């Protein structure tokens, strides 16, 4: 549904993935 061809759309997708993974790593380390 959501085209990732525009740089800005792809950008916010990458930011979302990075933030979620960063929080995931933080949770792992503090567990």
ModelCIF file with pLDDT and N, C-alpha, C, O atoms, coordinates in Angstrom:
data_MODEL
#
_entry.id   MODEL 
#
_entity.id                         1 
_entity.type                       polymer 
_entity.pdbx_number_of_molecules   1 
#
_entity_poly.entity_id                      1 
_entity_poly.type                           'polypeptide(L)' 
_entity_poly.nstd_linkage                   no 
_entity_poly.nstd_monomer                   no 
_entity_poly.pdbx_seq_one_letter_code       
;(UNK)(UNK)(UNK)(UNK)(UNK)(UNK)(UNK)(UNK)(UNK)(UNK)(UNK)(UNK)(UNK)(UNK)(UNK)(UNK)
(UNK)(UNK)(UNK)(UNK)(UNK)(UNK)(UNK)(UNK)(UNK)(UNK)(UNK)(UNK)(UNK)(UNK)(UNK)
;
_entity_poly.pdbx_seq_one_letter_code_can   XXXXXXXXXXXXXXXXXXXXXXXXXXXXXXX 
_entity_poly.pdbx_strand_id                 A 
#
loop_
_entity_poly_seq.entity_id 
_entity_poly_seq.num 
_entity_poly_seq.mon_id 
_entity_poly_seq.hetero 
1 1  UNK n 
1 2  UNK n 
1 3  UNK n 
1 4  UNK n 
1 5  UNK n 
1 6  UNK n 
1 7  UNK n 
1 8  UNK n 
1 9  UNK n 
1 10 UNK n 
1 11 UNK n 
1 12 UNK n 
1 13 UNK n 
1 14 UNK n 
1 15 UNK n 
1 16 UNK n 
1 17 UNK n 
1 18 UNK n 
1 19 UNK n 
1 20 UNK n 
1 21 UNK n 
1 22 UNK n 
1 23 UNK n 
1 24 UNK n 
1 25 UNK n 
1 26 UNK n 
1 27 UNK n 
1 28 UNK n 
1 29 UNK n 
1 30 UNK n 
1 31 UNK n 
#
_struct_asym.id          A 
_struct_asym.entity_id   1 
#
loop_
_ma_qa_metric.id 
_ma_qa_metric.mode 
_ma_qa_metric.name 
_ma_qa_metric.software_group_id 
_ma_qa_metric.type 
1 global pLDDT . pLDDT 
2 local  pLDDT . pLDDT 
#
_ma_qa_metric_global.metric_id      1 
_ma_qa_metric_global.metric_value   92.71 
_ma_qa_metric_global.model_id       1 
_ma_qa_metric_global.ordinal_id     1 
#
loop_
_ma_qa_metric_local.label_asym_id 
_ma_qa_metric_local.label_comp_id 
_ma_qa_metric_local.label_seq_id 
_ma_qa_metric_local.metric_id 
_ma_qa_metric_local.metric_value 
_ma_qa_metric_local.model_id 
_ma_qa_metric_local.ordinal_id 
A UNK 1  2 85.00 1 1  
A UNK 2  2 87.00 1 2  
A UNK 3  2 88.00 1 3  
A UNK 4  2 88.00 1 4  
A UNK 5  2 91.00 1 5  
A UNK 6  2 90.00 1 6  
A UNK 7  2 90.00 1 7  
A UNK 8  2 90.00 1 8  
A UNK 9  2 92.00 1 9  
A UNK 10 2 93.00 1 10 
A UNK 11 2 94.00 1 11 
A UNK 12 2 94.00 1 12 
A UNK 13 2 94.00 1 13 
A UNK 14 2 95.00 1 14 
A UNK 15 2 95.00 1 15 
A UNK 16 2 95.00 1 16 
A UNK 17 2 95.00 1 17 
A UNK 18 2 95.00 1 18 
A UNK 19 2 95.00 1 19 
A UNK 20 2 95.00 1 20 
A UNK 21 2 95.00 1 21 
A UNK 22 2 95.00 1 22 
A UNK 23 2 94.00 1 23 
A UNK 24 2 95.00 1 24 
A UNK 25 2 95.00 1 25 
A UNK 26 2 93.00 1 26 
A UNK 27 2 94.00 1 27 
A UNK 28 2 94.00 1 28 
A UNK 29 2 93.00 1 29 
A UNK 30 2 92.00 1 30 
A UNK 31 2 93.00 1 31 
#
loop_
_atom_site.group_PDB 
_atom_site.id 
_atom_site.type_symbol 
_atom_site.label_atom_id 
_atom_site.label_alt_id 
_atom_site.label_comp_id 
_atom_site.label_asym_id 
_atom_site.label_entity_id 
_atom_site.label_seq_id 
_atom_site.pdbx_PDB_ins_code 
_atom_site.Cartn_x 
_atom_site.Cartn_y 
_atom_site.Cartn_z 
_atom_site.occupancy 
_atom_site.B_iso_or_equiv 
_atom_site.pdbx_formal_charge 
_atom_site.auth_seq_id 
_atom_site.auth_comp_id 
_atom_site.auth_asym_id 
_atom_site.auth_atom_id 
_atom_site.pdbx_PDB_model_num 
ATOM 1   N N  . UNK A 1 1  ? 0.811  -1.229 0.000  1.00 85.00 ? 1  UNK A N  1 
ATOM 2   C CA . UNK A 1 1  ? 0.000  0.000  0.000  1.00 85.00 ? 1  UNK A CA 1 
ATOM 3   C C  . UNK A 1 1  ? 0.837  1.269  0.000  1.00 85.00 ? 1  UNK A C  1 
ATOM 4   O O  . UNK A 1 1  ? 0.510  2.222  -0.706 1.00 85.00 ? 1  UNK A O  1 
ATOM 5   N N  . UNK A 1 2  ? 1.924  1.297  0.789  1.00 87.00 ? 2  UNK A N  1 
ATOM 6   C CA . UNK A 1 2  ? 2.706  2.520  0.977  1.00 87.00 ? 2  UNK A CA 1 
ATOM 7   C C  . UNK A 1 2  ? 3.969  2.440  0.132  1.00 87.00 ? 2  UNK A C  1 
ATOM 8   O O  . UNK A 1 2  ? 4.829  1.595  0.383  1.00 87.00 ? 2  UNK A O  1 
ATOM 9   N N  . UNK A 1 3  ? 4.089  3.294  -0.846 1.00 88.00 ? 3  UNK A N  1 
ATOM 10  C CA . UNK A 1 3  ? 5.261  3.292  -1.706 1.00 88.00 ? 3  UNK A CA 1 
ATOM 11  C C  . UNK A 1 3  ? 6.476  3.838  -0.949 1.00 88.00 ? 3  UNK A C  1 
ATOM 12  O O  . UNK A 1 3  ? 6.415  4.903  -0.334 1.00 88.00 ? 3  UNK A O  1 
ATOM 13  N N  . UNK A 1 4  ? 7.572  3.091  -1.008 1.00 88.00 ? 4  UNK A N  1 
ATOM 14  C CA . UNK A 1 4  ? 8.809  3.524  -0.359 1.00 88.00 ? 4  UNK A CA 1 
ATOM 15  C C  . UNK A 1 4  ? 9.759  4.203  -1.341 1.00 88.00 ? 4  UNK A C  1 
ATOM 16  O O  . UNK A 1 4  ? 10.901 4.505  -0.994 1.00 88.00 ? 4  UNK A O  1 
ATOM 17  N N  . UNK A 1 5  ? 9.294  4.442  -2.561 1.00 91.00 ? 5  UNK A N  1 
ATOM 18  C CA . UNK A 1 5  ? 10.160 5.074  -3.555 1.00 91.00 ? 5  UNK A CA 1 
ATOM 19  C C  . UNK A 1 5  ? 10.542 6.500  -3.173 1.00 91.00 ? 5  UNK A C  1 
ATOM 20  O O  . UNK A 1 5  ? 11.702 6.871  -3.352 1.00 91.00 ? 5  UNK A O  1 
ATOM 21  N N  . UNK A 1 6  ? 9.614  7.328  -2.648 1.00 90.00 ? 6  UNK A N  1 
ATOM 22  C CA . UNK A 1 6  ? 10.029 8.667  -2.207 1.00 90.00 ? 6  UNK A CA 1 
ATOM 23  C C  . UNK A 1 6  ? 11.007 8.564  -1.037 1.00 90.00 ? 6  UNK A C  1 
ATOM 24  O O  . UNK A 1 6  ? 10.800 7.775  -0.115 1.00 90.00 ? 6  UNK A O  1 
ATOM 25  N N  . UNK A 1 7  ? 12.064 9.361  -1.079 1.00 90.00 ? 7  UNK A N  1 
ATOM 26  C CA . UNK A 1 7  ? 13.086 9.295  -0.034 1.00 90.00 ? 7  UNK A CA 1 
ATOM 27  C C  . UNK A 1 7  ? 12.524 9.579  1.356  1.00 90.00 ? 7  UNK A C  1 
ATOM 28  O O  . UNK A 1 7  ? 12.917 8.935  2.328  1.00 90.00 ? 7  UNK A O  1 
ATOM 29  N N  . UNK A 1 8  ? 11.606 10.541 1.453  1.00 90.00 ? 8  UNK A N  1 
ATOM 30  C CA . UNK A 1 8  ? 11.077 10.895 2.769  1.00 90.00 ? 8  UNK A CA 1 
ATOM 31  C C  . UNK A 1 8  ? 10.264 9.752  3.377  1.00 90.00 ? 8  UNK A C  1 
ATOM 32  O O  . UNK A 1 8  ? 10.331 9.521  4.584  1.00 90.00 ? 8  UNK A O  1 
ATOM 33  N N  . UNK A 1 9  ? 9.498  9.035  2.552  1.00 92.00 ? 9  UNK A N  1 
ATOM 34  C CA . UNK A 1 9  ? 8.723  7.898  3.064  1.00 92.00 ? 9  UNK A CA 1 
ATOM 35  C C  . UNK A 1 9  ? 9.659  6.792  3.549  1.00 92.00 ? 9  UNK A C  1 
ATOM 36  O O  . UNK A 1 9  ? 9.474  6.244  4.635  1.00 92.00 ? 9  UNK A O  1 
ATOM 37  N N  . UNK A 1 10 ? 10.654 6.474  2.740  1.00 93.00 ? 10 UNK A N  1 
ATOM 38  C CA . UNK A 1 10 ? 11.640 5.473  3.131  1.00 93.00 ? 10 UNK A CA 1 
ATOM 39  C C  . UNK A 1 10 ? 12.385 5.913  4.388  1.00 93.00 ? 10 UNK A C  1 
ATOM 40  O O  . UNK A 1 10 ? 12.708 5.097  5.251  1.00 93.00 ? 10 UNK A O  1 
ATOM 41  N N  . UNK A 1 11 ? 12.648 7.195  4.475  1.00 94.00 ? 11 UNK A N  1 
ATOM 42  C CA . UNK A 1 11 ? 13.388 7.730  5.622  1.00 94.00 ? 11 UNK A CA 1 
ATOM 43  C C  . UNK A 1 11 ? 12.658 7.453  6.928  1.00 94.00 ? 11 UNK A C  1 
ATOM 44  O O  . UNK A 1 11 ? 13.261 6.965  7.885  1.00 94.00 ? 11 UNK A O  1 
ATOM 45  N N  . UNK A 1 12 ? 11.364 7.762  6.976  1.00 94.00 ? 12 UNK A N  1 
ATOM 46  C CA . UNK A 1 12 ? 10.629 7.575  8.233  1.00 94.00 ? 12 UNK A CA 1 
ATOM 47  C C  . UNK A 1 12 ? 10.424 6.097  8.548  1.00 94.00 ? 12 UNK A C  1 
ATOM 48  O O  . UNK A 1 12 ? 10.292 5.725  9.714  1.00 94.00 ? 12 UNK A O  1 
ATOM 49  N N  . UNK A 1 13 ? 10.396 5.266  7.535  1.00 94.00 ? 13 UNK A N  1 
ATOM 50  C CA . UNK A 1 13 ? 10.345 3.818  7.773  1.00 94.00 ? 13 UNK A CA 1 
ATOM 51  C C  . UNK A 1 13 ? 11.636 3.353  8.437  1.00 94.00 ? 13 UNK A C  1 
ATOM 52  O O  . UNK A 1 13 ? 11.594 2.581  9.395  1.00 94.00 ? 13 UNK A O  1 
ATOM 53  N N  . UNK A 1 14 ? 12.776 3.812  7.942  1.00 95.00 ? 14 UNK A N  1 
ATOM 54  C CA . UNK A 1 14 ? 14.071 3.442  8.520  1.00 95.00 ? 14 UNK A CA 1 
ATOM 55  C C  . UNK A 1 14 ? 14.193 3.980  9.944  1.00 95.00 ? 14 UNK A C  1 
ATOM 56  O O  . UNK A 1 14 ? 14.684 3.280  10.830 1.00 95.00 ? 14 UNK A O  1 
ATOM 57  N N  . UNK A 1 15 ? 13.753 5.212  10.167 1.00 95.00 ? 15 UNK A N  1 
ATOM 58  C CA . UNK A 1 15 ? 13.799 5.785  11.520 1.00 95.00 ? 15 UNK A CA 1 
ATOM 59  C C  . UNK A 1 15 ? 12.967 4.941  12.488 1.00 95.00 ? 15 UNK A C  1 
ATOM 60  O O  . UNK A 1 15 ? 13.401 4.655  13.604 1.00 95.00 ? 15 UNK A O  1 
ATOM 61  N N  . UNK A 1 16 ? 11.772 4.545  12.051 1.00 95.00 ? 16 UNK A N  1 
ATOM 62  C CA . UNK A 1 16 ? 10.897 3.743  12.910 1.00 95.00 ? 16 UNK A CA 1 
ATOM 63  C C  . UNK A 1 16 ? 11.549 2.400  13.262 1.00 95.00 ? 16 UNK A C  1 
ATOM 64  O O  . UNK A 1 16 ? 11.517 1.972  14.416 1.00 95.00 ? 16 UNK A O  1 
ATOM 65  N N  . UNK A 1 17 ? 12.140 1.741  12.257 1.00 95.00 ? 17 UNK A N  1 
ATOM 66  C CA . UNK A 1 17 ? 12.795 0.456  12.496 1.00 95.00 ? 17 UNK A CA 1 
ATOM 67  C C  . UNK A 1 17 ? 13.981 0.635  13.443 1.00 95.00 ? 17 UNK A C  1 
ATOM 68  O O  . UNK A 1 17 ? 14.166 -0.156 14.368 1.00 95.00 ? 17 UNK A O  1 
ATOM 69  N N  . UNK A 1 18 ? 14.777 1.668  13.211 1.00 95.00 ? 18 UNK A N  1 
ATOM 70  C CA . UNK A 1 18 ? 15.948 1.902  14.060 1.00 95.00 ? 18 UNK A CA 1 
ATOM 71  C C  . UNK A 1 18 ? 15.546 2.156  15.510 1.00 95.00 ? 18 UNK A C  1 
ATOM 72  O O  . UNK A 1 18 ? 16.133 1.583  16.428 1.00 95.00 ? 18 UNK A O  1 
ATOM 73  N N  . UNK A 1 19 ? 14.554 3.006  15.715 1.00 95.00 ? 19 UNK A N  1 
ATOM 74  C CA . UNK A 1 19 ? 14.125 3.330  17.078 1.00 95.00 ? 19 UNK A CA 1 
ATOM 75  C C  . UNK A 1 19 ? 13.596 2.083  17.790 1.00 95.00 ? 19 UNK A C  1 
ATOM 76  O O  . UNK A 1 19 ? 13.921 1.847  18.953 1.00 95.00 ? 19 UNK A O  1 
ATOM 77  N N  . UNK A 1 20 ? 12.789 1.292  17.097 1.00 95.00 ? 20 UNK A N  1 
ATOM 78  C CA . UNK A 1 20 ? 12.257 0.067  17.697 1.00 95.00 ? 20 UNK A CA 1 
ATOM 79  C C  . UNK A 1 20 ? 13.379 -0.904 18.056 1.00 95.00 ? 20 UNK A C  1 
ATOM 80  O O  . UNK A 1 20 ? 13.349 -1.521 19.121 1.00 95.00 ? 20 UNK A O  1 
ATOM 81  N N  . UNK A 1 21 ? 14.361 -1.041 17.181 1.00 95.00 ? 21 UNK A N  1 
ATOM 82  C CA . UNK A 1 21 ? 15.489 -1.953 17.452 1.00 95.00 ? 21 UNK A CA 1 
ATOM 83  C C  . UNK A 1 21 ? 16.352 -1.427 18.591 1.00 95.00 ? 21 UNK A C  1 
ATOM 84  O O  . UNK A 1 21 ? 16.841 -2.206 19.410 1.00 95.00 ? 21 UNK A O  1 
ATOM 85  N N  . UNK A 1 22 ? 16.540 -0.122 18.648 1.00 95.00 ? 22 UNK A N  1 
ATOM 86  C CA . UNK A 1 22 ? 17.324 0.468  19.739 1.00 95.00 ? 22 UNK A CA 1 
ATOM 87  C C  . UNK A 1 22 ? 16.641 0.208  21.076 1.00 95.00 ? 22 UNK A C  1 
ATOM 88  O O  . UNK A 1 22 ? 17.293 -0.154 22.054 1.00 95.00 ? 22 UNK A O  1 
ATOM 89  N N  . UNK A 1 23 ? 15.322 0.395  21.112 1.00 94.00 ? 23 UNK A N  1 
ATOM 90  C CA . UNK A 1 23 ? 14.572 0.122  22.340 1.00 94.00 ? 23 UNK A CA 1 
ATOM 91  C C  . UNK A 1 23 ? 14.605 -1.364 22.684 1.00 94.00 ? 23 UNK A C  1 
ATOM 92  O O  . UNK A 1 23 ? 14.663 -1.736 23.856 1.00 94.00 ? 23 UNK A O  1 
ATOM 93  N N  . UNK A 1 24 ? 14.567 -2.207 21.655 1.00 95.00 ? 24 UNK A N  1 
ATOM 94  C CA . UNK A 1 24 ? 14.633 -3.656 21.858 1.00 95.00 ? 24 UNK A CA 1 
ATOM 95  C C  . UNK A 1 24 ? 15.970 -4.063 22.475 1.00 95.00 ? 24 UNK A C  1 
ATOM 96  O O  . UNK A 1 24 ? 16.007 -4.873 23.402 1.00 95.00 ? 24 UNK A O  1 
ATOM 97  N N  . UNK A 1 25 ? 17.061 -3.505 21.965 1.00 95.00 ? 25 UNK A N  1 
ATOM 98  C CA . UNK A 1 25 ? 18.387 -3.804 22.518 1.00 95.00 ? 25 UNK A CA 1 
ATOM 99  C C  . UNK A 1 25 ? 18.489 -3.303 23.953 1.00 95.00 ? 25 UNK A C  1 
ATOM 100 O O  . UNK A 1 25 ? 19.046 -3.980 24.817 1.00 95.00 ? 25 UNK A O  1 
ATOM 101 N N  . UNK A 1 26 ? 17.948 -2.117 24.201 1.00 93.00 ? 26 UNK A N  1 
ATOM 102 C CA . UNK A 1 26 ? 17.962 -1.575 25.572 1.00 93.00 ? 26 UNK A CA 1 
ATOM 103 C C  . UNK A 1 26 ? 17.198 -2.486 26.515 1.00 93.00 ? 26 UNK A C  1 
ATOM 104 O O  . UNK A 1 26 ? 17.629 -2.731 27.641 1.00 93.00 ? 26 UNK A O  1 
ATOM 105 N N  . UNK A 1 27 ? 16.068 -2.982 26.053 1.00 94.00 ? 27 UNK A N  1 
ATOM 106 C CA . UNK A 1 27 ? 15.264 -3.887 26.886 1.00 94.00 ? 27 UNK A CA 1 
ATOM 107 C C  . UNK A 1 27 ? 16.001 -5.185 27.139 1.00 94.00 ? 27 UNK A C  1 
ATOM 108 O O  . UNK A 1 27 ? 15.971 -5.705 28.255 1.00 94.00 ? 27 UNK A O  1 
ATOM 109 N N  . UNK A 1 28 ? 16.658 -5.715 26.130 1.00 94.00 ? 28 UNK A N  1 
ATOM 110 C CA . UNK A 1 28 ? 17.416 -6.960 26.301 1.00 94.00 ? 28 UNK A CA 1 
ATOM 111 C C  . UNK A 1 28 ? 18.491 -6.780 27.365 1.00 94.00 ? 28 UNK A C  1 
ATOM 112 O O  . UNK A 1 28 ? 18.623 -7.603 28.271 1.00 94.00 ? 28 UNK A O  1 
ATOM 113 N N  . UNK A 1 29 ? 19.253 -5.706 27.250 1.00 93.00 ? 29 UNK A N  1 
ATOM 114 C CA . UNK A 1 29 ? 20.383 -5.495 28.160 1.00 93.00 ? 29 UNK A CA 1 
ATOM 115 C C  . UNK A 1 29 ? 19.915 -5.277 29.595 1.00 93.00 ? 29 UNK A C  1 
ATOM 116 O O  . UNK A 1 29 ? 20.583 -5.706 30.536 1.00 93.00 ? 29 UNK A O  1 
ATOM 117 N N  . UNK A 1 30 ? 18.779 -4.616 29.768 1.00 92.00 ? 30 UNK A N  1 
ATOM 118 C CA . UNK A 1 30 ? 18.277 -4.326 31.115 1.00 92.00 ? 30 UNK A CA 1 
ATOM 119 C C  . UNK A 1 30 ? 17.430 -5.451 31.693 1.00 92.00 ? 30 UNK A C  1 
ATOM 120 O O  . UNK A 1 30 ? 16.976 -5.352 32.833 1.00 92.00 ? 30 UNK A O  1 
ATOM 121 N N  . UNK A 1 31 ? 17.212 -6.505 30.940 1.00 93.00 ? 31 UNK A N  1 
ATOM 122 C CA . UNK A 1 31 ? 16.421 -7.642 31.412 1.00 93.00 ? 31 UNK A CA 1 
ATOM 123 C C  . UNK A 1 31 ? 17.305 -8.585 32.230 1.00 93.00 ? 31 UNK A C  1 
ATOM 124 O O  . UNK A 1 31 ? 16.828 -9.608 32.721 1.00 93.00 ? 31 UNK A O  1 
#
